[in-house]
Amino acid sequence: MNSPDAHFHASRGDQSIKTILRDQSIKLILSYGAKQTLQIAQSLYEEYKCITYPRTATGYLPENQHAEAGSVLGALGETLGSSNTVEDRIGESMQGADPAVKSRAWNDRKVTAHHGMIPTAQPVSLHALSEEERNVFLEISLRYVLQFWPDHEYVRTSLVIDAAGHTLQSSGRQPVVMGWKELFVRDSGDAGDGDDEREDHGPVPFLPEDSQVQVSQVDMLEKKTQPPAPYTEGTLIRAMTNVASEVRDPEIRKLLREHDGIGTEATRAEIIQTLKKRKYIETVGKKLRSTDTGRQLVAALPHAVRDPGTTALMEQKLALVESGEMSLKAFLDSQVLFVTRQVEQARRSAISATSSNTASSGNAGNARSGTSEDLGDCPECGKHLRRGKGRYGPFIGCSGYPECGYIQKKQGKGKSADADSGRSRPAVRVDVECPVCGKPMVERTSARGRFLGCSGFPKCRHIHRDTGQTGKASQ
């Protein structure tokens, strides 16, 4: 047996709205939605003045605020008054709180524009609060009070055993000091630590290195890979915050981590609500599921719009604006250009889909009649032309779309630019190499006449006109 690995751990709760939004006690027991929870917290802040600013992204507190702990705890004691069933746990937590304890929540280096959400030193009448407001207030207060309890301490042990050439591994933990978790163990009888619990199989004995152990039983389990569980509002907010873990590019991943992923604490709940309102997602029980409309939208959107890396790049530009390295006008101009390009790409995709459907219908009709329509070849790439229908009515375009975006122009009523010849003239390859990429050049026709263009279009856009000028094809 290899040497066992034992590590000491101490854990503590968080003090931010994102933790309250995704917390099991709020999401599963009270069943509040993300937007409702945030609205309740905002009401407690604005109307009752009993908590600090709720739309904060950090769970840390200024170190000088620790001196106010006695006043805040005193106000909480006055607020609680006589304990009833709802306030039993926080009332008990108040009795075990020691204002002299200073947890890791007090850390100036991790405080941003707003510190963690905590109760204020102003008492409030619980009878004046609605049931939902009271429950959220008590949850926020409990997390603050737990900062003055001892840490939950435990030892995690890992064993690695070599059995006939097979490696067997097990891990477990043994609580040393229950600390703040004592309150939760009394309620549930469970001393687990949330997500970490999945890795552990109860206490593991500490054995010296190279100990000999007997393998008394071996079981082989057959299991099937399960799909990821559907999101709840709480787990979706967590995924939006931690979207960097889904990105491969290290630079983009770093940017997303620096800016807390997609959205902010003030906007994530509203984003989910907007998706519901527009019927892109729906709630089934406590789970969120995408609708047909939502899936169709995602399939139709350009990749750049779907890519979370786009958020990271925008945040990076905003940081440059904040530091003065980029002007606000330059940022806005870049956004206008980006949106314009994405809208144009979406329109082309819509035209392509319509063209494909129209072509399929036309081919089916031709098959029934035993005929097929010959519209000639594309002058840009040489592929066959086909009829389509777009925003501005019927048109004739290249069947190679989107690689080739040629659309035949009309002259007068119903006459195309190539009507005089009866067919479009195909691109003709010439014995000249592209000076940019080395691929053969082809002779093509545009509204301005004949020109030489790279056969590598659209990746290479080099052109050469008869005037002797060279340049890049316009988009």
Protein backbone atom coordinates (compact mmCIF):
# COMPACT_ATOMS: atom_id res chain seq x y z
CA MET A 1 0.00 0.00 0.00
CA ASN A 2 1.27 3.47 -0.87
CA SER A 3 1.61 6.22 1.68
CA PRO A 4 -1.75 7.61 2.83
CA ASP A 5 -2.36 11.30 2.19
CA ALA A 6 -4.02 13.26 5.00
CA HIS A 7 -4.90 16.95 4.83
CA PHE A 8 -6.45 19.32 7.36
CA HIS A 9 -9.30 21.54 6.11
CA ALA A 10 -11.34 24.40 7.57
CA SER A 11 -14.48 25.68 5.85
CA ARG A 12 -16.74 28.71 6.16
CA GLY A 13 -19.89 30.08 4.46
CA ASP A 14 -19.97 32.91 1.89
CA GLN A 15 -21.61 36.34 2.15
CA SER A 16 -22.71 37.23 -1.38
CA ILE A 17 -26.02 37.37 -3.22
CA LYS A 18 -24.86 34.71 -5.71
CA THR A 19 -24.48 32.28 -2.80
CA ILE A 20 -27.92 33.17 -1.46
CA LEU A 21 -29.43 32.79 -4.95
CA ARG A 22 -28.01 29.31 -5.53
CA ASP A 23 -28.11 28.08 -1.91
CA GLN A 24 -30.06 24.90 -1.23
CA SER A 25 -31.96 26.40 1.72
CA ILE A 26 -33.36 29.15 -0.50
CA LYS A 27 -33.70 27.31 -3.79
CA LEU A 28 -35.04 23.96 -2.67
CA ILE A 29 -36.75 24.61 0.68
CA LEU A 30 -38.21 28.03 0.01
CA SER A 31 -38.43 27.55 -3.79
CA TYR A 32 -37.85 31.19 -4.68
CA GLY A 33 -36.78 32.09 -8.19
CA ALA A 34 -33.59 34.02 -8.84
CA LYS A 35 -35.37 37.23 -9.82
CA GLN A 36 -37.78 37.02 -6.86
CA THR A 37 -34.93 36.46 -4.42
CA LEU A 38 -33.06 39.46 -5.79
CA GLN A 39 -36.20 41.63 -5.67
CA ILE A 40 -36.80 40.63 -2.05
CA ALA A 41 -33.22 41.49 -1.14
CA GLN A 42 -33.56 44.84 -2.92
CA SER A 43 -36.72 45.57 -0.91
CA LEU A 44 -34.95 44.74 2.36
CA TYR A 45 -32.19 47.15 1.34
CA GLU A 46 -34.26 50.07 0.06
CA GLU A 47 -37.46 49.95 2.09
CA TYR A 48 -36.41 48.50 5.45
CA LYS A 49 -32.68 49.45 5.47
CA CYS A 50 -31.98 46.18 7.28
CA ILE A 51 -29.33 44.77 4.89
CA THR A 52 -26.47 46.31 2.90
CA TYR A 53 -26.32 46.66 -0.90
CA PRO A 54 -27.47 43.29 -2.32
CA ARG A 55 -26.23 43.41 -5.93
CA THR A 56 -22.64 42.75 -4.99
CA ALA A 57 -20.33 40.24 -6.62
CA THR A 58 -18.05 39.68 -3.62
CA GLY A 59 -18.54 37.73 -0.43
CA TYR A 60 -15.87 39.61 1.55
CA LEU A 61 -16.00 42.46 4.07
CA PRO A 62 -13.69 45.41 4.87
CA GLU A 63 -11.45 44.59 7.82
CA ASN A 64 -12.31 47.84 9.64
CA GLN A 65 -15.96 46.78 9.62
CA HIS A 66 -15.21 43.96 12.05
CA ALA A 67 -15.26 46.56 14.83
CA GLU A 68 -19.00 47.07 14.13
CA ALA A 69 -19.80 43.39 14.74
CA GLY A 70 -21.09 44.02 18.27
CA SER A 71 -23.55 46.66 17.03
CA VAL A 72 -24.84 44.46 14.18
CA LEU A 73 -25.24 41.42 16.41
CA GLY A 74 -26.98 43.59 19.02
CA ALA A 75 -29.45 44.87 16.40
CA LEU A 76 -30.11 41.29 15.31
CA GLY A 77 -30.80 40.25 18.88
CA GLU A 78 -33.29 43.10 19.19
CA THR A 79 -34.89 42.14 15.87
CA LEU A 80 -35.33 38.51 16.82
CA GLY A 81 -36.93 39.27 20.20
CA SER A 82 -38.84 36.20 21.33
CA SER A 83 -37.88 33.20 19.19
CA ASN A 84 -40.47 31.18 17.27
CA THR A 85 -40.14 28.17 14.98
CA VAL A 86 -38.90 30.15 11.98
CA GLU A 87 -36.14 31.86 13.97
CA ASP A 88 -35.04 28.87 16.08
CA ARG A 89 -31.84 28.18 14.15
CA ILE A 90 -30.64 31.77 13.95
CA GLY A 91 -31.62 32.34 17.59
CA GLU A 92 -29.43 29.38 18.53
CA SER A 93 -26.63 30.67 16.31
CA MET A 94 -26.73 34.01 18.16
CA GLN A 95 -26.06 32.24 21.45
CA GLY A 96 -22.90 30.61 20.07
CA ALA A 97 -21.52 33.70 18.30
CA ASP A 98 -18.35 35.33 19.58
CA PRO A 99 -17.79 38.89 18.22
CA ALA A 100 -14.05 38.47 18.85
CA VAL A 101 -13.81 35.75 16.16
CA LYS A 102 -12.54 37.11 12.84
CA SER A 103 -13.11 34.81 9.89
CA ARG A 104 -11.51 35.01 6.46
CA ALA A 105 -14.55 36.95 5.24
CA TRP A 106 -12.81 40.14 6.43
CA ASN A 107 -10.28 40.76 3.68
CA ASP A 108 -9.63 44.23 2.22
CA ARG A 109 -7.80 42.82 -0.81
CA LYS A 110 -10.91 40.98 -2.02
CA VAL A 111 -13.43 43.78 -1.49
CA THR A 112 -14.49 45.44 -4.75
CA ALA A 113 -16.85 48.39 -5.29
CA HIS A 114 -19.31 46.87 -2.80
CA HIS A 115 -18.62 44.52 0.09
CA GLY A 116 -20.51 41.34 0.95
CA MET A 117 -24.22 41.53 1.79
CA ILE A 118 -24.84 41.57 5.56
CA PRO A 119 -27.51 42.82 8.00
CA THR A 120 -27.18 46.42 9.16
CA ALA A 121 -27.07 47.79 12.71
CA GLN A 122 -30.67 48.96 12.33
CA PRO A 123 -33.29 46.71 14.02
CA VAL A 124 -36.37 45.77 12.03
CA SER A 125 -39.75 44.40 13.07
CA LEU A 126 -40.14 40.89 11.68
CA HIS A 127 -43.91 41.34 11.86
CA ALA A 128 -43.62 44.18 9.33
CA LEU A 129 -41.96 41.87 6.80
CA SER A 130 -43.77 39.48 4.49
CA GLU A 131 -43.04 35.79 4.92
CA GLU A 132 -40.72 35.82 1.89
CA GLU A 133 -38.88 38.94 3.11
CA ARG A 134 -38.51 37.47 6.59
CA ASN A 135 -37.09 34.19 5.27
CA VAL A 136 -34.51 35.88 3.04
CA PHE A 137 -33.53 38.33 5.80
CA LEU A 138 -33.02 35.48 8.27
CA GLU A 139 -30.91 33.55 5.75
CA ILE A 140 -28.66 36.57 5.20
CA SER A 141 -28.45 37.17 8.93
CA LEU A 142 -27.59 33.53 9.66
CA ARG A 143 -24.66 33.65 7.25
CA TYR A 144 -23.35 36.76 8.99
CA VAL A 145 -23.70 35.26 12.47
CA LEU A 146 -21.86 32.10 11.38
CA GLN A 147 -18.77 34.24 10.71
CA PHE A 148 -18.41 34.45 14.51
CA TRP A 149 -18.55 30.72 15.10
CA PRO A 150 -15.46 28.48 15.06
CA ASP A 151 -14.41 26.98 11.71
CA HIS A 152 -15.67 23.53 10.77
CA GLU A 153 -12.46 21.48 10.84
CA TYR A 154 -11.90 17.99 9.47
CA VAL A 155 -9.12 15.71 8.25
CA ARG A 156 -9.43 14.18 4.79
CA THR A 157 -7.49 10.97 4.19
CA SER A 158 -6.78 9.25 0.87
CA LEU A 159 -5.58 5.64 0.54
CA VAL A 160 -3.98 4.15 -2.59
CA ILE A 161 -3.74 0.33 -2.59
CA ASP A 162 -1.98 -1.90 -5.11
CA ALA A 163 -3.95 -5.14 -5.46
CA ALA A 164 -2.52 -7.62 -8.00
CA GLY A 165 -1.48 -4.82 -10.31
CA HIS A 166 -4.75 -2.93 -9.97
CA THR A 167 -4.86 0.45 -8.23
CA LEU A 168 -7.63 0.85 -5.68
CA GLN A 169 -8.24 4.28 -4.20
CA SER A 170 -10.51 5.52 -1.44
CA SER A 171 -10.91 8.79 0.42
CA GLY A 172 -12.82 9.91 3.46
CA ARG A 173 -12.86 12.50 6.20
CA GLN A 174 -13.20 12.71 9.90
CA PRO A 175 -14.58 15.86 11.61
CA VAL A 176 -12.24 17.31 14.22
CA VAL A 177 -14.25 20.38 15.28
CA MET A 178 -17.88 20.71 14.15
CA GLY A 179 -17.80 24.50 14.56
CA TRP A 180 -20.54 26.37 12.67
CA LYS A 181 -21.72 23.16 11.03
CA GLU A 182 -23.05 21.93 14.36
CA LEU A 183 -26.27 23.85 13.68
CA PHE A 184 -26.88 22.05 10.38
CA VAL A 185 -25.97 18.61 11.69
CA ARG A 186 -28.62 18.99 14.40
CA ASP A 187 -31.23 19.72 11.76
CA SER A 188 -30.32 17.02 9.23
CA GLY A 189 -28.04 14.60 11.03
CA ASP A 190 -25.57 15.01 8.16
CA ALA A 191 -22.03 16.25 8.61
CA GLY A 192 -21.28 16.40 4.88
CA ASP A 193 -19.83 19.37 3.05
CA GLY A 194 -21.98 19.69 -0.02
CA ASP A 195 -20.25 18.91 -3.30
CA ASP A 196 -17.12 17.48 -1.68
CA GLU A 197 -19.22 14.73 -0.15
CA ARG A 198 -19.44 12.91 -3.50
CA GLU A 199 -15.76 11.99 -3.29
CA ASP A 200 -15.86 10.55 0.23
CA HIS A 201 -16.95 7.17 1.54
CA GLY A 202 -16.93 7.78 5.28
CA PRO A 203 -13.89 7.79 7.57
CA VAL A 204 -10.80 6.04 6.17
CA PRO A 205 -8.38 4.48 8.64
CA PHE A 206 -4.87 5.88 8.74
CA LEU A 207 -2.43 3.10 7.84
CA PRO A 208 1.37 3.25 7.72
CA GLU A 209 3.07 3.13 4.34
CA ASP A 210 3.60 -0.37 2.86
CA SER A 211 0.97 -1.88 5.15
CA GLN A 212 -0.49 -5.22 4.01
CA VAL A 213 -4.27 -5.35 3.78
CA GLN A 214 -6.68 -8.13 2.78
CA VAL A 215 -9.07 -7.60 -0.14
CA SER A 216 -12.12 -9.45 1.17
CA GLN A 217 -14.59 -8.66 -1.62
CA VAL A 218 -14.60 -7.22 -5.14
CA ASP A 219 -17.77 -6.00 -6.81
CA MET A 220 -18.10 -4.99 -10.46
CA LEU A 221 -20.77 -2.39 -11.14
CA GLU A 222 -22.28 -1.75 -14.56
CA LYS A 223 -23.45 1.82 -14.97
CA LYS A 224 -24.58 4.03 -17.82
CA THR A 225 -23.33 7.53 -18.47
CA GLN A 226 -26.02 9.97 -17.44
CA PRO A 227 -26.67 13.26 -19.26
CA PRO A 228 -26.04 16.46 -17.30
CA ALA A 229 -28.89 17.34 -14.96
CA PRO A 230 -31.21 20.11 -16.20
CA TYR A 231 -30.44 23.55 -14.80
CA THR A 232 -32.38 25.17 -12.02
CA GLU A 233 -32.27 28.96 -11.76
CA GLY A 234 -29.66 28.62 -9.05
CA THR A 235 -27.38 26.24 -10.96
CA LEU A 236 -27.79 28.29 -14.15
CA ILE A 237 -26.59 31.39 -12.31
CA ARG A 238 -23.62 29.37 -11.07
CA ALA A 239 -22.92 28.22 -14.65
CA MET A 240 -23.11 31.81 -15.93
CA THR A 241 -20.64 32.87 -13.24
CA ASN A 242 -18.26 29.97 -13.92
CA VAL A 243 -18.64 29.83 -17.72
CA ALA A 244 -14.83 30.12 -18.01
CA SER A 245 -14.62 26.39 -17.23
CA GLU A 246 -16.39 25.70 -20.56
CA VAL A 247 -13.90 27.72 -22.63
CA ARG A 248 -10.72 26.17 -24.06
CA ASP A 249 -8.81 29.30 -25.08
CA PRO A 250 -6.60 30.15 -22.06
CA GLU A 251 -6.66 33.91 -22.69
CA ILE A 252 -10.47 34.02 -23.03
CA ARG A 253 -10.81 31.76 -19.98
CA LYS A 254 -8.65 34.13 -17.96
CA LEU A 255 -10.72 37.16 -19.02
CA LEU A 256 -13.99 35.44 -18.13
CA ARG A 257 -12.66 34.54 -14.68
CA GLU A 258 -11.51 38.09 -14.08
CA HIS A 259 -14.98 39.44 -14.93
CA ASP A 260 -17.09 36.72 -13.21
CA GLY A 261 -18.39 35.17 -16.43
CA ILE A 262 -21.62 36.19 -18.15
CA GLY A 263 -23.58 39.10 -16.68
CA THR A 264 -23.31 40.52 -13.16
CA GLU A 265 -25.04 39.90 -9.85
CA ALA A 266 -27.44 42.69 -10.82
CA THR A 267 -28.31 41.29 -14.26
CA ARG A 268 -28.17 37.47 -14.25
CA ALA A 269 -31.59 36.98 -12.67
CA GLU A 270 -33.10 39.47 -15.14
CA ILE A 271 -31.45 37.66 -18.07
CA ILE A 272 -33.15 34.42 -17.03
CA GLN A 273 -36.48 36.23 -16.62
CA THR A 274 -36.14 37.73 -20.12
CA LEU A 275 -35.49 34.29 -21.61
CA LYS A 276 -38.67 33.05 -19.94
CA LYS A 277 -40.70 36.03 -21.09
CA ARG A 278 -39.62 35.52 -24.70
CA LYS A 279 -40.46 31.80 -24.50
CA TYR A 280 -36.87 30.68 -25.12
CA ILE A 281 -36.84 28.66 -21.88
CA GLU A 282 -39.58 27.38 -19.61
CA THR A 283 -39.88 26.10 -16.05
CA VAL A 284 -40.86 22.45 -15.62
CA GLY A 285 -41.23 21.87 -11.89
CA LYS A 286 -38.03 23.37 -10.51
CA LYS A 287 -36.02 22.71 -13.67
CA LEU A 288 -35.36 24.97 -16.64
CA ARG A 289 -35.75 23.57 -20.14
CA SER A 290 -35.16 25.14 -23.54
CA THR A 291 -38.15 25.47 -25.88
CA ASP A 292 -38.26 24.70 -29.60
CA THR A 293 -38.17 28.44 -30.24
CA GLY A 294 -35.09 28.83 -28.06
CA ARG A 295 -33.23 25.99 -29.77
CA GLN A 296 -34.10 27.36 -33.21
CA LEU A 297 -32.80 30.77 -32.15
CA VAL A 298 -29.49 29.35 -30.96
CA ALA A 299 -29.12 27.36 -34.20
CA ALA A 300 -29.75 30.49 -36.28
CA LEU A 301 -27.42 32.85 -34.39
CA PRO A 302 -23.90 33.47 -35.71
CA HIS A 303 -21.19 31.70 -33.73
CA ALA A 304 -19.73 34.95 -32.40
CA VAL A 305 -23.05 35.82 -30.76
CA ARG A 306 -23.30 32.42 -29.06
CA ASP A 307 -19.66 32.33 -27.97
CA PRO A 308 -19.11 33.36 -24.31
CA GLY A 309 -15.67 34.56 -25.40
CA THR A 310 -17.41 37.54 -27.03
CA THR A 311 -18.44 38.68 -23.56
CA ALA A 312 -14.85 38.43 -22.39
CA LEU A 313 -13.55 40.52 -25.29
CA MET A 314 -16.20 43.20 -24.69
CA GLU A 315 -15.28 43.32 -21.01
CA GLN A 316 -11.63 43.66 -21.97
CA LYS A 317 -12.43 46.66 -24.18
CA LEU A 318 -14.51 48.22 -21.38
CA ALA A 319 -11.53 47.82 -19.06
CA LEU A 320 -9.40 49.65 -21.63
CA VAL A 321 -12.00 52.45 -21.72
CA GLU A 322 -11.90 52.64 -17.92
CA SER A 323 -8.08 52.85 -17.92
CA GLY A 324 -8.07 55.47 -20.68
CA GLU A 325 -6.30 53.24 -23.22
CA MET A 326 -9.39 53.25 -25.48
CA SER A 327 -11.82 56.08 -26.10
CA LEU A 328 -15.54 55.57 -25.54
CA LYS A 329 -16.16 56.50 -29.19
CA ALA A 330 -13.74 53.83 -30.40
CA PHE A 331 -15.48 51.24 -28.24
CA LEU A 332 -18.95 52.22 -29.48
CA ASP A 333 -17.73 52.22 -33.09
CA SER A 334 -16.35 48.70 -32.66
CA GLN A 335 -19.68 47.53 -31.21
CA VAL A 336 -21.66 49.08 -34.07
CA LEU A 337 -19.37 47.36 -36.58
CA PHE A 338 -19.68 44.03 -34.75
CA VAL A 339 -23.49 44.17 -34.55
CA THR A 340 -23.79 45.26 -38.19
CA ARG A 341 -21.70 42.33 -39.36
CA GLN A 342 -23.63 39.83 -37.22
CA VAL A 343 -27.01 41.12 -38.44
CA GLU A 344 -25.86 40.90 -42.04
CA GLN A 345 -24.61 37.36 -41.48
CA ALA A 346 -27.92 36.39 -39.87
CA ARG A 347 -29.80 37.83 -42.86
CA ARG A 348 -27.67 35.87 -45.28
CA SER A 349 -28.29 32.69 -43.28
CA ALA A 350 -32.04 33.35 -43.44
CA ILE A 351 -31.84 33.87 -47.21
CA SER A 352 -29.78 30.70 -47.57
CA ALA A 353 -32.33 28.67 -45.60
CA THR A 354 -35.17 30.10 -47.70
CA SER A 355 -33.22 29.44 -50.90
CA SER A 356 -32.58 25.83 -49.91
CA ASN A 357 -36.24 25.25 -49.16
CA THR A 358 -37.30 26.93 -52.40
CA ALA A 359 -34.77 24.96 -54.41
CA SER A 360 -35.93 21.70 -52.83
CA SER A 361 -39.54 22.51 -53.67
CA GLY A 362 -38.56 23.47 -57.21
CA ASN A 363 -36.56 20.29 -57.71
CA ALA A 364 -39.48 18.21 -56.47
CA GLY A 365 -41.77 19.92 -58.98
CA ASN A 366 -39.29 19.45 -61.78
CA ALA A 367 -38.91 15.79 -60.89
CA ARG A 368 -42.65 15.33 -61.18
CA SER A 369 -42.75 17.02 -64.59
CA GLY A 370 -39.58 15.34 -65.81
CA THR A 371 -37.81 18.67 -66.46
CA SER A 372 -35.11 20.74 -64.71
CA GLU A 373 -34.41 24.47 -65.01
CA ASP A 374 -30.96 25.42 -66.27
CA LEU A 375 -30.07 28.90 -64.99
CA GLY A 376 -26.42 28.76 -65.97
CA ASP A 377 -23.26 28.87 -63.90
CA CYS A 378 -22.10 31.35 -61.29
CA PRO A 379 -19.62 33.86 -62.78
CA GLU A 380 -17.81 34.01 -59.43
CA CYS A 381 -17.13 30.34 -58.71
CA GLY A 382 -18.59 28.30 -61.57
CA LYS A 383 -21.26 26.45 -59.56
CA HIS A 384 -24.87 26.23 -60.78
CA LEU A 385 -27.25 29.11 -60.19
CA ARG A 386 -30.62 28.57 -58.55
CA ARG A 387 -33.75 30.49 -57.76
CA GLY A 388 -34.46 31.74 -54.24
CA LYS A 389 -36.69 34.10 -52.33
CA GLY A 390 -35.33 36.75 -49.96
CA ARG A 391 -36.44 39.88 -48.13
CA TYR A 392 -36.77 41.78 -51.40
CA GLY A 393 -38.52 39.09 -53.41
CA PRO A 394 -37.37 36.33 -55.81
CA PHE A 395 -33.76 36.26 -56.98
CA ILE A 396 -31.23 34.06 -58.73
CA GLY A 397 -28.14 33.25 -56.71
CA CYS A 398 -25.21 30.89 -56.47
CA SER A 399 -25.88 27.37 -55.15
CA GLY A 400 -22.51 27.58 -53.39
CA TYR A 401 -23.79 30.04 -50.76
CA PRO A 402 -22.48 30.93 -48.18
CA GLU A 403 -18.99 30.25 -49.59
CA CYS A 404 -20.01 32.29 -52.64
CA GLY A 405 -22.44 35.16 -52.20
CA TYR A 406 -23.13 35.94 -55.88
CA ILE A 407 -26.66 37.21 -56.64
CA GLN A 408 -27.66 37.94 -60.24
CA LYS A 409 -28.70 41.55 -60.69
CA LYS A 410 -31.80 42.51 -62.64
CA GLN A 411 -31.97 45.03 -65.47
CA GLY A 412 -35.40 46.44 -66.22
CA LYS A 413 -38.47 44.27 -65.75
CA GLY A 414 -37.51 40.71 -65.06
CA LYS A 415 -34.31 40.84 -67.16
CA SER A 416 -31.13 39.72 -65.53
CA ALA A 417 -27.70 41.21 -66.09
CA ASP A 418 -26.80 38.17 -68.17
CA ALA A 419 -30.08 37.97 -70.11
CA ASP A 420 -28.40 38.93 -73.36
CA SER A 421 -26.20 35.88 -73.33
CA GLY A 422 -28.80 33.47 -72.01
CA ARG A 423 -26.24 32.02 -69.58
CA SER A 424 -23.86 33.38 -66.99
CA ARG A 425 -20.27 33.19 -68.07
CA PRO A 426 -18.29 30.85 -65.80
CA ALA A 427 -15.09 31.84 -64.05
CA VAL A 428 -12.09 31.04 -66.29
CA ARG A 429 -8.82 29.93 -64.72
CA VAL A 430 -5.73 31.73 -66.04
CA ASP A 431 -2.06 30.86 -65.84
CA VAL A 432 -1.32 33.40 -63.11
CA GLU A 433 -0.67 32.77 -59.41
CA CYS A 434 -2.15 34.91 -56.66
CA PRO A 435 0.69 37.05 -55.23
CA VAL A 436 -0.91 36.84 -51.78
CA CYS A 437 -1.57 33.11 -51.26
CA GLY A 438 -0.11 31.42 -54.36
CA LYS A 439 -3.36 29.86 -55.60
CA PRO A 440 -4.38 30.17 -59.29
CA MET A 441 -6.18 33.33 -60.37
CA VAL A 442 -9.50 33.15 -62.26
CA GLU A 443 -11.12 35.61 -64.64
CA ARG A 444 -14.51 36.78 -63.38
CA THR A 445 -17.21 39.31 -64.19
CA SER A 446 -18.70 41.93 -61.93
CA ALA A 447 -20.92 44.98 -62.45
CA ARG A 448 -17.74 46.95 -63.21
CA GLY A 449 -16.49 44.52 -65.84
CA ARG A 450 -14.01 41.66 -66.08
CA PHE A 451 -11.29 41.20 -63.45
CA LEU A 452 -8.86 38.63 -62.10
CA GLY A 453 -9.63 37.25 -58.64
CA CYS A 454 -8.04 34.62 -56.42
CA SER A 455 -9.58 31.13 -56.67
CA GLY A 456 -9.13 30.91 -52.91
CA PHE A 457 -12.00 33.35 -52.34
CA PRO A 458 -13.42 34.05 -49.76
CA LYS A 459 -10.36 33.18 -47.62
CA CYS A 460 -8.18 35.23 -49.97
CA ARG A 461 -9.80 38.35 -51.45
CA HIS A 462 -6.99 39.54 -53.71
CA ILE A 463 -8.15 40.97 -57.06
CA HIS A 464 -6.48 42.52 -60.12
CA ARG A 465 -8.45 44.69 -62.53
CA ASP A 466 -7.57 45.56 -66.10
CA THR A 467 -6.67 49.09 -64.99
CA GLY A 468 -3.56 47.65 -63.42
CA GLN A 469 -4.79 48.30 -59.88
CA THR A 470 -4.68 45.58 -57.28
CA GLY A 471 -6.47 45.37 -54.00
CA LYS A 472 -8.94 43.43 -51.88
CA ALA A 473 -12.46 42.63 -52.92
CA SER A 474 -15.04 44.72 -51.14
CA GLN A 475 -17.39 42.95 -48.76
